[in-house]
Amino acid sequence: MDGMKVFVWVRMVGTVALAVAVLWGVQTLLARLQPVGAPSAPARDVGAKEAVAPRADHALPAAPVPAAAGQASVPPTVKEKEQIVTKAAPLPVGAAFVAAVIKPLDDELNKRFWGWRPNDLVNLTDNVNNRQRGVLEVTRRTVRILTERISRTGTTVAYNRQLEQAMSWLMVKADAYWFPSPEAKYNDAIDAVRAYRDALFAGKEFFFTRADNLIPLLREYEDLLGSCEENLVKTREKDGSAVSFFAADDYFFYAKGVAAAMQTVLEAVLEDFGPTIDSRRGLEVLHQAIGSCRHACEIAPWIILDSAPGSVFANHRANMAAPISHAQFYLGVLITALST
């Protein structure tokens, strides 16, 4: 009986070894017979949408230039091929502005560690909370002007539905915990602005760079900067009490959030509204406003001090008030230039 078991096991092992050897031999033979450079697997199918309508940021290779009569066709050089591939299709007017509307709030919601914080049950990062509130306020005002003015030819034209929804969703309180959650509604608003952007790229929506569309936005910014400046320079609250250390800290970081978001949008205004502003000789003024916002963003003390003006220690609220005041001034000058 033991001899039979050994015989069966030997036959099984031998059969398996023989099958492996045969498979290996067949695979080796096929590999030798396959032409050099032939694909070993079928290429991936390109979807109909991708084949018919390539993305806007990838230009198609240009056809070779036909040779003159009697001359051979000359293929493009490597450098010419690189130029053809990297050359992007021009973006429509308004693309930079819409991207700038989305970016600051999207960064705070989805790219900052711990995400949206003003509605946290335990507030451990008060500085970030107030910065996010400042970013939100700039986004709210910008989306409202985009909805009511920049995307419309006049007051008799219906609102873009996506922008109207975005404007409503951004009105949810920043510190609301639930029903609705601000994070969800703010992300819905960003998606709605993206839907408007896609329609703009498809030529189904419009972006009007007239001066009378830009002036209301600049006035909104001027008013917001004025509010920030007042909070940065005052020594007493409305009830007569002195500005506390914690309030000074809140005012500082709120203004910093406003300056950061406003700088992003104003840089896009420079790109999309540039010809309109240049026609009124306002480009230099806009550059100054952007530079002032950048200066405000660069003030980054480790701890906020609120010392007396004559103290040897810093008063960081006053330090922040200077560039905020300058930005407000330059926007006022730009408004005057665009109004004439």
C-alpha atoms as a PDB file:
ATOM      1  CA  MET A   1       0.000   0.000   0.000  1.00  0.00           C
ATOM      2  CA  ASP A   2       2.862   2.374   0.814  1.00  0.00           C
ATOM      3  CA  GLY A   3       4.465   1.654  -2.555  1.00  0.00           C
ATOM      4  CA  MET A   4       1.202   2.591  -4.310  1.00  0.00           C
ATOM      5  CA  LYS A   5       1.064   5.966  -2.524  1.00  0.00           C
ATOM      6  CA  VAL A   6       4.617   6.761  -3.551  1.00  0.00           C
ATOM      7  CA  PHE A   7       3.815   5.830  -7.155  1.00  0.00           C
ATOM      8  CA  VAL A   8       0.732   8.091  -7.255  1.00  0.00           C
ATOM      9  CA  TRP A   9       2.602  11.052  -5.757  1.00  0.00           C
ATOM     10  CA  VAL A  10       5.466  10.640  -8.213  1.00  0.00           C
ATOM     11  CA  ARG A  11       3.024  10.600 -11.128  1.00  0.00           C
ATOM     12  CA  MET A  12       1.233  13.739  -9.889  1.00  0.00           C
ATOM     13  CA  VAL A  13       4.428  15.731  -9.325  1.00  0.00           C
ATOM     14  CA  GLY A  14       5.796  14.624 -12.677  1.00  0.00           C
ATOM     15  CA  THR A  15       2.605  15.646 -14.476  1.00  0.00           C
ATOM     16  CA  VAL A  16       2.646  19.122 -12.913  1.00  0.00           C
ATOM     17  CA  ALA A  17       6.328  19.604 -13.748  1.00  0.00           C
ATOM     18  CA  LEU A  18       5.739  18.497 -17.339  1.00  0.00           C
ATOM     19  CA  ALA A  19       2.794  20.909 -17.740  1.00  0.00           C
ATOM     20  CA  VAL A  20       4.864  23.827 -16.414  1.00  0.00           C
ATOM     21  CA  ALA A  21       7.720  22.969 -18.780  1.00  0.00           C
ATOM     22  CA  VAL A  22       5.361  22.774 -21.793  1.00  0.00           C
ATOM     23  CA  LEU A  23       3.754  26.147 -20.961  1.00  0.00           C
ATOM     24  CA  TRP A  24       7.140  27.783 -20.519  1.00  0.00           C
ATOM     25  CA  GLY A  25       8.336  26.398 -23.834  1.00  0.00           C
ATOM     26  CA  VAL A  26       5.244  27.631 -25.701  1.00  0.00           C
ATOM     27  CA  GLN A  27       5.557  31.113 -24.186  1.00  0.00           C
ATOM     28  CA  THR A  28       9.241  31.312 -25.104  1.00  0.00           C
ATOM     29  CA  LEU A  29       8.528  30.220 -28.675  1.00  0.00           C
ATOM     30  CA  LEU A  30       5.765  32.817 -29.119  1.00  0.00           C
ATOM     31  CA  ALA A  31       8.025  35.554 -27.745  1.00  0.00           C
ATOM     32  CA  ARG A  32      10.702  34.672 -30.299  1.00  0.00           C
ATOM     33  CA  LEU A  33       8.216  34.654 -33.164  1.00  0.00           C
ATOM     34  CA  GLN A  34       6.694  38.078 -32.227  1.00  0.00           C
ATOM     35  CA  PRO A  35       8.112  40.988 -34.329  1.00  0.00           C
ATOM     36  CA  VAL A  36      10.352  43.459 -32.518  1.00  0.00           C
ATOM     37  CA  GLY A  37       8.421  46.572 -31.388  1.00  0.00           C
ATOM     38  CA  ALA A  38       4.984  44.943 -31.706  1.00  0.00           C
ATOM     39  CA  PRO A  39       2.681  45.683 -28.790  1.00  0.00           C
ATOM     40  CA  SER A  40       2.247  42.829 -26.327  1.00  0.00           C
ATOM     41  CA  ALA A  41      -1.282  43.961 -25.416  1.00  0.00           C
ATOM     42  CA  PRO A  42      -3.991  45.868 -27.285  1.00  0.00           C
ATOM     43  CA  ALA A  43      -3.811  49.648 -26.900  1.00  0.00           C
ATOM     44  CA  ARG A  44      -6.400  51.373 -24.725  1.00  0.00           C
ATOM     45  CA  ASP A  45      -9.469  52.556 -26.562  1.00  0.00           C
ATOM     46  CA  VAL A  46      -9.953  56.326 -26.601  1.00  0.00           C
ATOM     47  CA  GLY A  47     -13.481  57.307 -25.662  1.00  0.00           C
ATOM     48  CA  ALA A  48     -15.639  59.005 -28.236  1.00  0.00           C
ATOM     49  CA  LYS A  49     -15.736  62.226 -26.275  1.00  0.00           C
ATOM     50  CA  GLU A  50     -11.957  62.342 -25.924  1.00  0.00           C
ATOM     51  CA  ALA A  51     -11.408  61.510 -29.582  1.00  0.00           C
ATOM     52  CA  VAL A  52     -13.876  64.060 -30.928  1.00  0.00           C
ATOM     53  CA  ALA A  53     -13.310  66.925 -28.550  1.00  0.00           C
ATOM     54  CA  PRO A  54      -9.805  67.043 -27.024  1.00  0.00           C
ATOM     55  CA  ARG A  55      -9.279  69.098 -23.860  1.00  0.00           C
ATOM     56  CA  ALA A  56      -8.790  72.801 -24.302  1.00  0.00           C
ATOM     57  CA  ASP A  57      -5.422  72.781 -22.552  1.00  0.00           C
ATOM     58  CA  HIS A  58      -3.906  70.277 -25.023  1.00  0.00           C
ATOM     59  CA  ALA A  59      -3.462  71.531 -28.560  1.00  0.00           C
ATOM     60  CA  LEU A  60      -3.567  69.027 -31.409  1.00  0.00           C
ATOM     61  CA  PRO A  61      -0.359  68.599 -33.438  1.00  0.00           C
ATOM     62  CA  ALA A  62      -0.477  70.746 -36.530  1.00  0.00           C
ATOM     63  CA  ALA A  63      -0.419  69.131 -39.953  1.00  0.00           C
ATOM     64  CA  PRO A  64       2.959  69.190 -41.729  1.00  0.00           C
ATOM     65  CA  VAL A  65       3.512  72.243 -43.901  1.00  0.00           C
ATOM     66  CA  PRO A  66       3.078  71.258 -47.575  1.00  0.00           C
ATOM     67  CA  ALA A  67       6.304  71.424 -49.509  1.00  0.00           C
ATOM     68  CA  ALA A  68       6.743  73.628 -52.519  1.00  0.00           C
ATOM     69  CA  ALA A  69       6.420  72.074 -55.980  1.00  0.00           C
ATOM     70  CA  GLY A  70       9.313  69.759 -56.754  1.00  0.00           C
ATOM     71  CA  GLN A  71      10.514  69.599 -53.120  1.00  0.00           C
ATOM     72  CA  ALA A  72      10.199  66.773 -50.632  1.00  0.00           C
ATOM     73  CA  SER A  73       7.992  67.217 -47.578  1.00  0.00           C
ATOM     74  CA  VAL A  74      10.114  68.260 -44.570  1.00  0.00           C
ATOM     75  CA  PRO A  75       8.971  66.850 -41.205  1.00  0.00           C
ATOM     76  CA  PRO A  76       8.935  69.263 -38.223  1.00  0.00           C
ATOM     77  CA  THR A  77      12.014  69.407 -36.037  1.00  0.00           C
ATOM     78  CA  VAL A  78      11.990  68.246 -32.406  1.00  0.00           C
ATOM     79  CA  LYS A  79      11.786  71.871 -31.213  1.00  0.00           C
ATOM     80  CA  GLU A  80       8.841  72.569 -33.507  1.00  0.00           C
ATOM     81  CA  LYS A  81       7.067  69.455 -32.230  1.00  0.00           C
ATOM     82  CA  GLU A  82       7.551  70.624 -28.623  1.00  0.00           C
ATOM     83  CA  GLN A  83       6.116  74.035 -29.481  1.00  0.00           C
ATOM     84  CA  ILE A  84       3.100  72.401 -31.147  1.00  0.00           C
ATOM     85  CA  VAL A  85       2.409  70.112 -28.180  1.00  0.00           C
ATOM     86  CA  THR A  86       2.886  72.716 -25.434  1.00  0.00           C
ATOM     87  CA  LYS A  87       0.951  75.485 -27.135  1.00  0.00           C
ATOM     88  CA  ALA A  88      -2.373  75.782 -25.280  1.00  0.00           C
ATOM     89  CA  ALA A  89      -5.635  77.054 -26.668  1.00  0.00           C
ATOM     90  CA  PRO A  90      -6.463  80.556 -25.383  1.00  0.00           C
ATOM     91  CA  LEU A  91      -8.853  80.657 -22.423  1.00  0.00           C
ATOM     92  CA  PRO A  92     -11.991  82.792 -22.662  1.00  0.00           C
ATOM     93  CA  VAL A  93     -12.189  86.169 -20.966  1.00  0.00           C
ATOM     94  CA  GLY A  94     -13.302  85.613 -17.393  1.00  0.00           C
ATOM     95  CA  ALA A  95     -11.453  82.321 -16.880  1.00  0.00           C
ATOM     96  CA  ALA A  96      -8.874  83.877 -14.547  1.00  0.00           C
ATOM     97  CA  PHE A  97     -11.534  85.752 -12.570  1.00  0.00           C
ATOM     98  CA  VAL A  98     -13.726  82.689 -12.012  1.00  0.00           C
ATOM     99  CA  ALA A  99     -10.691  80.626 -10.972  1.00  0.00           C
ATOM    100  CA  ALA A 100      -9.757  83.358  -8.484  1.00  0.00           C
ATOM    101  CA  VAL A 101     -13.284  83.347  -7.041  1.00  0.00           C
ATOM    102  CA  ILE A 102     -13.042  79.602  -6.411  1.00  0.00           C
ATOM    103  CA  LYS A 103      -9.478  79.241  -5.157  1.00  0.00           C
ATOM    104  CA  PRO A 104      -9.341  81.037  -1.747  1.00  0.00           C
ATOM    105  CA  LEU A 105     -12.418  79.374  -0.252  1.00  0.00           C
ATOM    106  CA  ASP A 106     -11.659  76.014  -1.860  1.00  0.00           C
ATOM    107  CA  ASP A 107      -8.194  76.088  -0.279  1.00  0.00           C
ATOM    108  CA  GLU A 108      -9.677  76.736   3.156  1.00  0.00           C
ATOM    109  CA  LEU A 109     -12.312  74.016   2.820  1.00  0.00           C
ATOM    110  CA  ASN A 110     -10.441  71.238   1.089  1.00  0.00           C
ATOM    111  CA  LYS A 111      -6.698  71.875   1.206  1.00  0.00           C
ATOM    112  CA  ARG A 112      -6.103  73.196   4.697  1.00  0.00           C
ATOM    113  CA  PHE A 113      -5.450  70.627   7.388  1.00  0.00           C
ATOM    114  CA  TRP A 114      -8.559  70.196   9.536  1.00  0.00           C
ATOM    115  CA  GLY A 115     -10.666  72.006   6.919  1.00  0.00           C
ATOM    116  CA  TRP A 116     -13.331  74.530   7.903  1.00  0.00           C
ATOM    117  CA  ARG A 117     -12.952  75.536  11.541  1.00  0.00           C
ATOM    118  CA  PRO A 118     -15.323  78.351  12.638  1.00  0.00           C
ATOM    119  CA  ASN A 119     -18.048  75.783  13.426  1.00  0.00           C
ATOM    120  CA  ASP A 120     -15.867  73.368  15.386  1.00  0.00           C
ATOM    121  CA  LEU A 121     -17.309  72.406  18.770  1.00  0.00           C
ATOM    122  CA  VAL A 122     -13.892  73.000  20.351  1.00  0.00           C
ATOM    123  CA  ASN A 123     -12.147  76.085  18.965  1.00  0.00           C
ATOM    124  CA  LEU A 124      -8.430  75.500  19.326  1.00  0.00           C
ATOM    125  CA  THR A 125      -7.299  77.515  16.294  1.00  0.00           C
ATOM    126  CA  ASP A 126      -8.904  80.901  16.726  1.00  0.00           C
ATOM    127  CA  ASN A 127      -6.495  82.630  14.327  1.00  0.00           C
ATOM    128  CA  VAL A 128      -7.314  80.327  11.422  1.00  0.00           C
ATOM    129  CA  ASN A 129     -11.024  80.613  12.194  1.00  0.00           C
ATOM    130  CA  ASN A 130     -10.984  84.382  11.758  1.00  0.00           C
ATOM    131  CA  ARG A 131      -8.808  84.203   8.664  1.00  0.00           C
ATOM    132  CA  GLN A 132     -11.345  81.846   7.098  1.00  0.00           C
ATOM    133  CA  ARG A 133     -14.154  84.250   7.951  1.00  0.00           C
ATOM    134  CA  GLY A 134     -12.314  86.994   6.090  1.00  0.00           C
ATOM    135  CA  VAL A 135     -11.829  84.773   3.030  1.00  0.00           C
ATOM    136  CA  LEU A 136     -15.517  83.849   3.125  1.00  0.00           C
ATOM    137  CA  GLU A 137     -16.654  87.478   3.215  1.00  0.00           C
ATOM    138  CA  VAL A 138     -14.603  88.392   0.132  1.00  0.00           C
ATOM    139  CA  THR A 139     -15.950  85.322  -1.695  1.00  0.00           C
ATOM    140  CA  ARG A 140     -19.537  86.182  -0.779  1.00  0.00           C
ATOM    141  CA  ARG A 141     -19.280  89.717  -2.117  1.00  0.00           C
ATOM    142  CA  THR A 142     -17.422  88.661  -5.253  1.00  0.00           C
ATOM    143  CA  VAL A 143     -19.949  85.958  -6.168  1.00  0.00           C
ATOM    144  CA  ARG A 144     -22.813  88.400  -5.612  1.00  0.00           C
ATOM    145  CA  ILE A 145     -21.333  90.960  -8.012  1.00  0.00           C
ATOM    146  CA  LEU A 146     -20.499  88.208 -10.513  1.00  0.00           C
ATOM    147  CA  THR A 147     -24.107  87.034 -10.340  1.00  0.00           C
ATOM    148  CA  GLU A 148     -25.809  90.425 -10.420  1.00  0.00           C
ATOM    149  CA  ARG A 149     -23.513  92.400 -12.714  1.00  0.00           C
ATOM    150  CA  ILE A 150     -20.547  90.791 -14.449  1.00  0.00           C
ATOM    151  CA  SER A 151     -22.392  87.775 -15.904  1.00  0.00           C
ATOM    152  CA  ARG A 152     -25.349  89.846 -17.199  1.00  0.00           C
ATOM    153  CA  THR A 153     -25.794  92.406 -19.934  1.00  0.00           C
ATOM    154  CA  GLY A 154     -28.222  94.439 -17.837  1.00  0.00           C
ATOM    155  CA  THR A 155     -30.827  94.441 -15.103  1.00  0.00           C
ATOM    156  CA  THR A 156     -33.513  92.942 -17.367  1.00  0.00           C
ATOM    157  CA  VAL A 157     -31.547  89.723 -17.945  1.00  0.00           C
ATOM    158  CA  ALA A 158     -32.247  86.675 -15.750  1.00  0.00           C
ATOM    159  CA  TYR A 159     -29.597  85.525 -13.293  1.00  0.00           C
ATOM    160  CA  ASN A 160     -27.464  82.541 -14.156  1.00  0.00           C
ATOM    161  CA  ARG A 161     -29.113  79.768 -12.143  1.00  0.00           C
ATOM    162  CA  GLN A 162     -25.862  78.237 -10.893  1.00  0.00           C
ATOM    163  CA  LEU A 163     -24.485  81.573  -9.720  1.00  0.00           C
ATOM    164  CA  GLU A 164     -27.767  82.434  -8.035  1.00  0.00           C
ATOM    165  CA  GLN A 165     -27.610  79.173  -6.090  1.00  0.00           C
ATOM    166  CA  ALA A 166     -23.973  79.793  -5.187  1.00  0.00           C
ATOM    167  CA  MET A 167     -24.857  83.261  -3.895  1.00  0.00           C
ATOM    168  CA  SER A 168     -27.550  81.754  -1.643  1.00  0.00           C
ATOM    169  CA  TRP A 169     -25.422  78.875  -0.338  1.00  0.00           C
ATOM    170  CA  LEU A 170     -22.591  81.215   0.645  1.00  0.00           C
ATOM    171  CA  MET A 171     -24.977  83.025   2.993  1.00  0.00           C
ATOM    172  CA  VAL A 172     -25.024  80.065   5.404  1.00  0.00           C
ATOM    173  CA  LYS A 173     -23.511  81.150   8.729  1.00  0.00           C
ATOM    174  CA  ALA A 174     -19.848  80.284   9.059  1.00  0.00           C
ATOM    175  CA  ASP A 175     -20.265  78.886  12.566  1.00  0.00           C
ATOM    176  CA  ALA A 176     -23.430  76.829  11.937  1.00  0.00           C
ATOM    177  CA  TYR A 177     -22.797  73.253  13.008  1.00  0.00           C
ATOM    178  CA  TRP A 178     -25.482  71.353  11.120  1.00  0.00           C
ATOM    179  CA  PHE A 179     -28.739  71.687   9.176  1.00  0.00           C
ATOM    180  CA  PRO A 180     -27.208  72.880   6.952  1.00  0.00           C
ATOM    181  CA  SER A 181     -23.507  72.351   7.442  1.00  0.00           C
ATOM    182  CA  PRO A 182     -21.489  75.288   6.074  1.00  0.00           C
ATOM    183  CA  GLU A 183     -18.797  73.003   4.648  1.00  0.00           C
ATOM    184  CA  ALA A 184     -21.341  71.180   2.483  1.00  0.00           C
ATOM    185  CA  LYS A 185     -23.090  74.325   1.283  1.00  0.00           C
ATOM    186  CA  TYR A 186     -19.868  76.199   0.567  1.00  0.00           C
ATOM    187  CA  ASN A 187     -18.618  73.260  -1.498  1.00  0.00           C
ATOM    188  CA  ASP A 188     -21.967  73.228  -3.319  1.00  0.00           C
ATOM    189  CA  ALA A 189     -21.436  76.926  -4.049  1.00  0.00           C
ATOM    190  CA  ILE A 190     -17.961  76.243  -5.441  1.00  0.00           C
ATOM    191  CA  ASP A 191     -19.367  73.485  -7.663  1.00  0.00           C
ATOM    192  CA  ALA A 192     -22.048  75.889  -8.902  1.00  0.00           C
ATOM    193  CA  VAL A 193     -19.419  78.477  -9.826  1.00  0.00           C
ATOM    194  CA  ARG A 194     -17.517  75.728 -11.642  1.00  0.00           C
ATOM    195  CA  ALA A 195     -20.696  74.910 -13.586  1.00  0.00           C
ATOM    196  CA  TYR A 196     -20.886  78.551 -14.673  1.00  0.00           C
ATOM    197  CA  ARG A 197     -17.219  78.372 -15.657  1.00  0.00           C
ATOM    198  CA  ASP A 198     -17.831  75.288 -17.799  1.00  0.00           C
ATOM    199  CA  ALA A 199     -20.754  77.013 -19.518  1.00  0.00           C
ATOM    200  CA  LEU A 200     -18.541  80.056 -20.078  1.00  0.00           C
ATOM    201  CA  PHE A 201     -15.893  77.869 -21.712  1.00  0.00           C
ATOM    202  CA  ALA A 202     -18.575  76.296 -23.910  1.00  0.00           C
ATOM    203  CA  GLY A 203     -19.781  79.717 -25.048  1.00  0.00           C
ATOM    204  CA  LYS A 204     -23.167  79.312 -23.360  1.00  0.00           C
ATOM    205  CA  GLU A 205     -22.624  82.015 -20.705  1.00  0.00           C
ATOM    206  CA  PHE A 206     -21.032  85.436 -20.752  1.00  0.00           C
ATOM    207  CA  PHE A 207     -18.542  87.574 -18.839  1.00  0.00           C
ATOM    208  CA  PHE A 208     -18.736  91.319 -19.426  1.00  0.00           C
ATOM    209  CA  THR A 209     -15.665  93.411 -18.644  1.00  0.00           C
ATOM    210  CA  ARG A 210     -17.334  96.825 -18.760  1.00  0.00           C
ATOM    211  CA  ALA A 211     -16.257  99.472 -16.262  1.00  0.00           C
ATOM    212  CA  ASP A 212     -19.780  99.755 -14.853  1.00  0.00           C
ATOM    213  CA  ASN A 213     -19.597  96.047 -13.950  1.00  0.00           C
ATOM    214  CA  LEU A 214     -16.239  96.347 -12.209  1.00  0.00           C
ATOM    215  CA  ILE A 215     -16.974  99.490 -10.184  1.00  0.00           C
ATOM    216  CA  PRO A 216     -19.579  97.801  -7.902  1.00  0.00           C
ATOM    217  CA  LEU A 217     -17.068  95.064  -7.050  1.00  0.00           C
ATOM    218  CA  LEU A 218     -14.371  97.602  -6.201  1.00  0.00           C
ATOM    219  CA  ARG A 219     -16.838  99.532  -4.030  1.00  0.00           C
ATOM    220  CA  GLU A 220     -17.678  96.346  -2.131  1.00  0.00           C
ATOM    221  CA  TYR A 221     -13.981  95.788  -1.531  1.00  0.00           C
ATOM    222  CA  GLU A 222     -13.436  99.400  -0.519  1.00  0.00           C
ATOM    223  CA  ASP A 223     -16.231  99.162   2.073  1.00  0.00           C
ATOM    224  CA  LEU A 224     -14.922  95.859   3.444  1.00  0.00           C
ATOM    225  CA  LEU A 225     -11.396  97.232   3.771  1.00  0.00           C
ATOM    226  CA  GLY A 226     -12.795 100.294   5.540  1.00  0.00           C
ATOM    227  CA  SER A 227     -14.492  98.057   8.097  1.00  0.00           C
ATOM    228  CA  CYS A 228     -11.255  96.137   8.640  1.00  0.00           C
ATOM    229  CA  GLU A 229      -9.287  99.352   9.083  1.00  0.00           C
ATOM    230  CA  GLU A 230     -11.726 100.644  11.698  1.00  0.00           C
ATOM    231  CA  ASN A 231     -11.353  97.459  13.729  1.00  0.00           C
ATOM    232  CA  LEU A 232      -7.579  97.630  13.427  1.00  0.00           C
ATOM    233  CA  VAL A 233      -7.172 101.205  14.704  1.00  0.00           C
ATOM    234  CA  LYS A 234      -9.936 101.605  17.289  1.00  0.00           C
ATOM    235  CA  THR A 235      -9.121 101.524  20.993  1.00  0.00           C
ATOM    236  CA  ARG A 236     -12.696 101.184  22.275  1.00  0.00           C
ATOM    237  CA  GLU A 237     -15.555  98.894  21.393  1.00  0.00           C
ATOM    238  CA  LYS A 238     -19.060 100.245  20.744  1.00  0.00           C
ATOM    239  CA  ASP A 239     -20.044  99.621  24.358  1.00  0.00           C
ATOM    240  CA  GLY A 240     -17.130 101.761  25.561  1.00  0.00           C
ATOM    241  CA  SER A 241     -14.956  98.913  26.775  1.00  0.00           C
ATOM    242  CA  ALA A 242     -11.311  98.671  25.759  1.00  0.00           C
ATOM    243  CA  VAL A 243     -10.396  96.365  22.895  1.00  0.00           C
ATOM    244  CA  SER A 244      -9.303  93.125  24.546  1.00  0.00           C
ATOM    245  CA  PHE A 245      -6.245  91.089  23.640  1.00  0.00           C
ATOM    246  CA  PHE A 246      -8.483  88.359  22.169  1.00  0.00           C
ATOM    247  CA  ALA A 247     -10.504  90.833  20.091  1.00  0.00           C
ATOM    248  CA  ALA A 248      -7.313  92.427  18.739  1.00  0.00           C
ATOM    249  CA  ASP A 249      -6.178  88.974  17.668  1.00  0.00           C
ATOM    250  CA  ASP A 250      -9.507  88.324  15.915  1.00  0.00           C
ATOM    251  CA  TYR A 251      -9.462  91.655  14.068  1.00  0.00           C
ATOM    252  CA  PHE A 252      -5.900  91.074  12.877  1.00  0.00           C
ATOM    253  CA  PHE A 253      -6.488  87.641  11.337  1.00  0.00           C
ATOM    254  CA  TYR A 254      -9.862  88.556   9.859  1.00  0.00           C
ATOM    255  CA  ALA A 255      -8.199  91.451   8.004  1.00  0.00           C
ATOM    256  CA  LYS A 256      -5.425  89.130   6.878  1.00  0.00           C
ATOM    257  CA  GLY A 257      -7.956  86.705   5.401  1.00  0.00           C
ATOM    258  CA  VAL A 258      -9.687  89.570   3.606  1.00  0.00           C
ATOM    259  CA  ALA A 259      -6.370  90.775   2.160  1.00  0.00           C
ATOM    260  CA  ALA A 260      -5.360  87.278   1.006  1.00  0.00           C
ATOM    261  CA  ALA A 261      -8.592  86.552  -0.855  1.00  0.00           C
ATOM    262  CA  MET A 262      -8.787  90.081  -2.240  1.00  0.00           C
ATOM    263  CA  GLN A 263      -5.252  89.911  -3.609  1.00  0.00           C
ATOM    264  CA  THR A 264      -6.121  86.727  -5.507  1.00  0.00           C
ATOM    265  CA  VAL A 265      -9.216  88.269  -7.088  1.00  0.00           C
ATOM    266  CA  LEU A 266      -7.558  91.604  -7.894  1.00  0.00           C
ATOM    267  CA  GLU A 267      -4.757  89.805  -9.728  1.00  0.00           C
ATOM    268  CA  ALA A 268      -7.430  88.128 -11.861  1.00  0.00           C
ATOM    269  CA  VAL A 269      -9.132  91.506 -12.368  1.00  0.00           C
ATOM    270  CA  LEU A 270      -5.799  92.746 -13.714  1.00  0.00           C
ATOM    271  CA  GLU A 271      -5.793  89.917 -16.253  1.00  0.00           C
ATOM    272  CA  ASP A 272      -9.434  89.913 -17.391  1.00  0.00           C
ATOM    273  CA  PHE A 273     -10.313  93.599 -16.999  1.00  0.00           C
ATOM    274  CA  GLY A 274      -6.855  94.826 -17.995  1.00  0.00           C
ATOM    275  CA  PRO A 275      -7.836  96.495 -21.286  1.00  0.00           C
ATOM    276  CA  THR A 276     -10.784  98.256 -19.637  1.00  0.00           C
ATOM    277  CA  ILE A 277      -8.633  99.547 -16.781  1.00  0.00           C
ATOM    278  CA  ASP A 278      -5.790 100.502 -19.106  1.00  0.00           C
ATOM    279  CA  SER A 279      -8.159 102.608 -21.201  1.00  0.00           C
ATOM    280  CA  ARG A 280      -8.762 104.732 -18.072  1.00  0.00           C
ATOM    281  CA  ARG A 281      -5.059 104.765 -17.115  1.00  0.00           C
ATOM    282  CA  GLY A 282      -5.675 102.783 -13.956  1.00  0.00           C
ATOM    283  CA  LEU A 283      -3.265  99.858 -14.241  1.00  0.00           C
ATOM    284  CA  GLU A 284      -0.617 101.405 -11.981  1.00  0.00           C
ATOM    285  CA  VAL A 285      -3.225 102.150  -9.329  1.00  0.00           C
ATOM    286  CA  LEU A 286      -4.439  98.539  -9.430  1.00  0.00           C
ATOM    287  CA  HIS A 287      -0.864  97.306  -9.094  1.00  0.00           C
ATOM    288  CA  GLN A 288      -0.511  99.447  -5.974  1.00  0.00           C
ATOM    289  CA  ALA A 289      -3.697  97.989  -4.473  1.00  0.00           C
ATOM    290  CA  ILE A 290      -2.487  94.444  -5.147  1.00  0.00           C
ATOM    291  CA  GLY A 291       0.889  95.254  -3.615  1.00  0.00           C
ATOM    292  CA  SER A 292      -0.782  96.616  -0.477  1.00  0.00           C
ATOM    293  CA  CYS A 293      -2.819  93.422  -0.067  1.00  0.00           C
ATOM    294  CA  ARG A 294       0.346  91.397  -0.517  1.00  0.00           C
ATOM    295  CA  HIS A 295       2.100  93.483   2.137  1.00  0.00           C
ATOM    296  CA  ALA A 296      -0.748  92.791   4.564  1.00  0.00           C
ATOM    297  CA  CYS A 297      -0.446  89.053   3.926  1.00  0.00           C
ATOM    298  CA  GLU A 298       3.281  89.145   4.649  1.00  0.00           C
ATOM    299  CA  ILE A 299       2.800  90.418   8.213  1.00  0.00           C
ATOM    300  CA  ALA A 300       3.065  87.178  10.172  1.00  0.00           C
ATOM    301  CA  PRO A 301       4.005  87.689  13.856  1.00  0.00           C
ATOM    302  CA  TRP A 302       4.351  84.695  16.112  1.00  0.00           C
ATOM    303  CA  ILE A 303       2.069  86.331  18.674  1.00  0.00           C
ATOM    304  CA  ILE A 304      -0.195  89.376  18.254  1.00  0.00           C
ATOM    305  CA  LEU A 305       0.855  92.295  20.445  1.00  0.00           C
ATOM    306  CA  ASP A 306      -1.429  95.280  20.963  1.00  0.00           C
ATOM    307  CA  SER A 307       0.897  97.671  22.747  1.00  0.00           C
ATOM    308  CA  ALA A 308       0.412 101.412  23.072  1.00  0.00           C
ATOM    309  CA  PRO A 309       1.512 103.501  20.073  1.00  0.00           C
ATOM    310  CA  GLY A 310       4.499 104.891  22.023  1.00  0.00           C
ATOM    311  CA  SER A 311       5.614 101.540  23.414  1.00  0.00           C
ATOM    312  CA  VAL A 312       8.868  99.828  22.491  1.00  0.00           C
ATOM    313  CA  PHE A 313       6.767  96.740  21.749  1.00  0.00           C
ATOM    314  CA  ALA A 314       4.824  96.256  18.526  1.00  0.00           C
ATOM    315  CA  ASN A 315       1.196  97.061  17.891  1.00  0.00           C
ATOM    316  CA  HIS A 316       0.375  94.491  15.222  1.00  0.00           C
ATOM    317  CA  ARG A 317      -3.121  95.802  14.642  1.00  0.00           C
ATOM    318  CA  ALA A 318      -1.642  99.168  13.694  1.00  0.00           C
ATOM    319  CA  ASN A 319       0.952  97.440  11.506  1.00  0.00           C
ATOM    320  CA  MET A 320      -1.811  95.617   9.648  1.00  0.00           C
ATOM    321  CA  ALA A 321      -3.928  98.781   9.394  1.00  0.00           C
ATOM    322  CA  ALA A 322      -1.331 100.559   7.232  1.00  0.00           C
ATOM    323  CA  PRO A 323      -1.415  98.285   4.139  1.00  0.00           C
ATOM    324  CA  ILE A 324      -5.166  97.751   4.548  1.00  0.00           C
ATOM    325  CA  SER A 325      -5.652 101.527   4.489  1.00  0.00           C
ATOM    326  CA  HIS A 326      -3.389 101.849   1.451  1.00  0.00           C
ATOM    327  CA  ALA A 327      -5.344  99.184  -0.452  1.00  0.00           C
ATOM    328  CA  GLN A 328      -8.590 100.970   0.371  1.00  0.00           C
ATOM    329  CA  PHE A 329      -7.155 104.277  -0.831  1.00  0.00           C
ATOM    330  CA  TYR A 330      -5.921 102.875  -4.154  1.00  0.00           C
ATOM    331  CA  LEU A 331      -9.232 101.148  -4.838  1.00  0.00           C
ATOM    332  CA  GLY A 332     -10.970 104.491  -4.256  1.00  0.00           C
ATOM    333  CA  VAL A 333      -8.635 106.130  -6.775  1.00  0.00           C
ATOM    334  CA  LEU A 334      -9.306 103.346  -9.273  1.00  0.00           C
ATOM    335  CA  ILE A 335     -13.061 103.727  -8.835  1.00  0.00           C
ATOM    336  CA  THR A 336     -12.737 107.436  -9.609  1.00  0.00           C
ATOM    337  CA  ALA A 337     -10.658 106.716 -12.697  1.00  0.00           C
ATOM    338  CA  LEU A 338     -13.141 104.141 -14.004  1.00  0.00           C
ATOM    339  CA  SER A 339     -16.082 106.461 -13.310  1.00  0.00           C
ATOM    340  CA  THR A 340     -14.791 109.286 -15.528  1.00  0.00           C
END
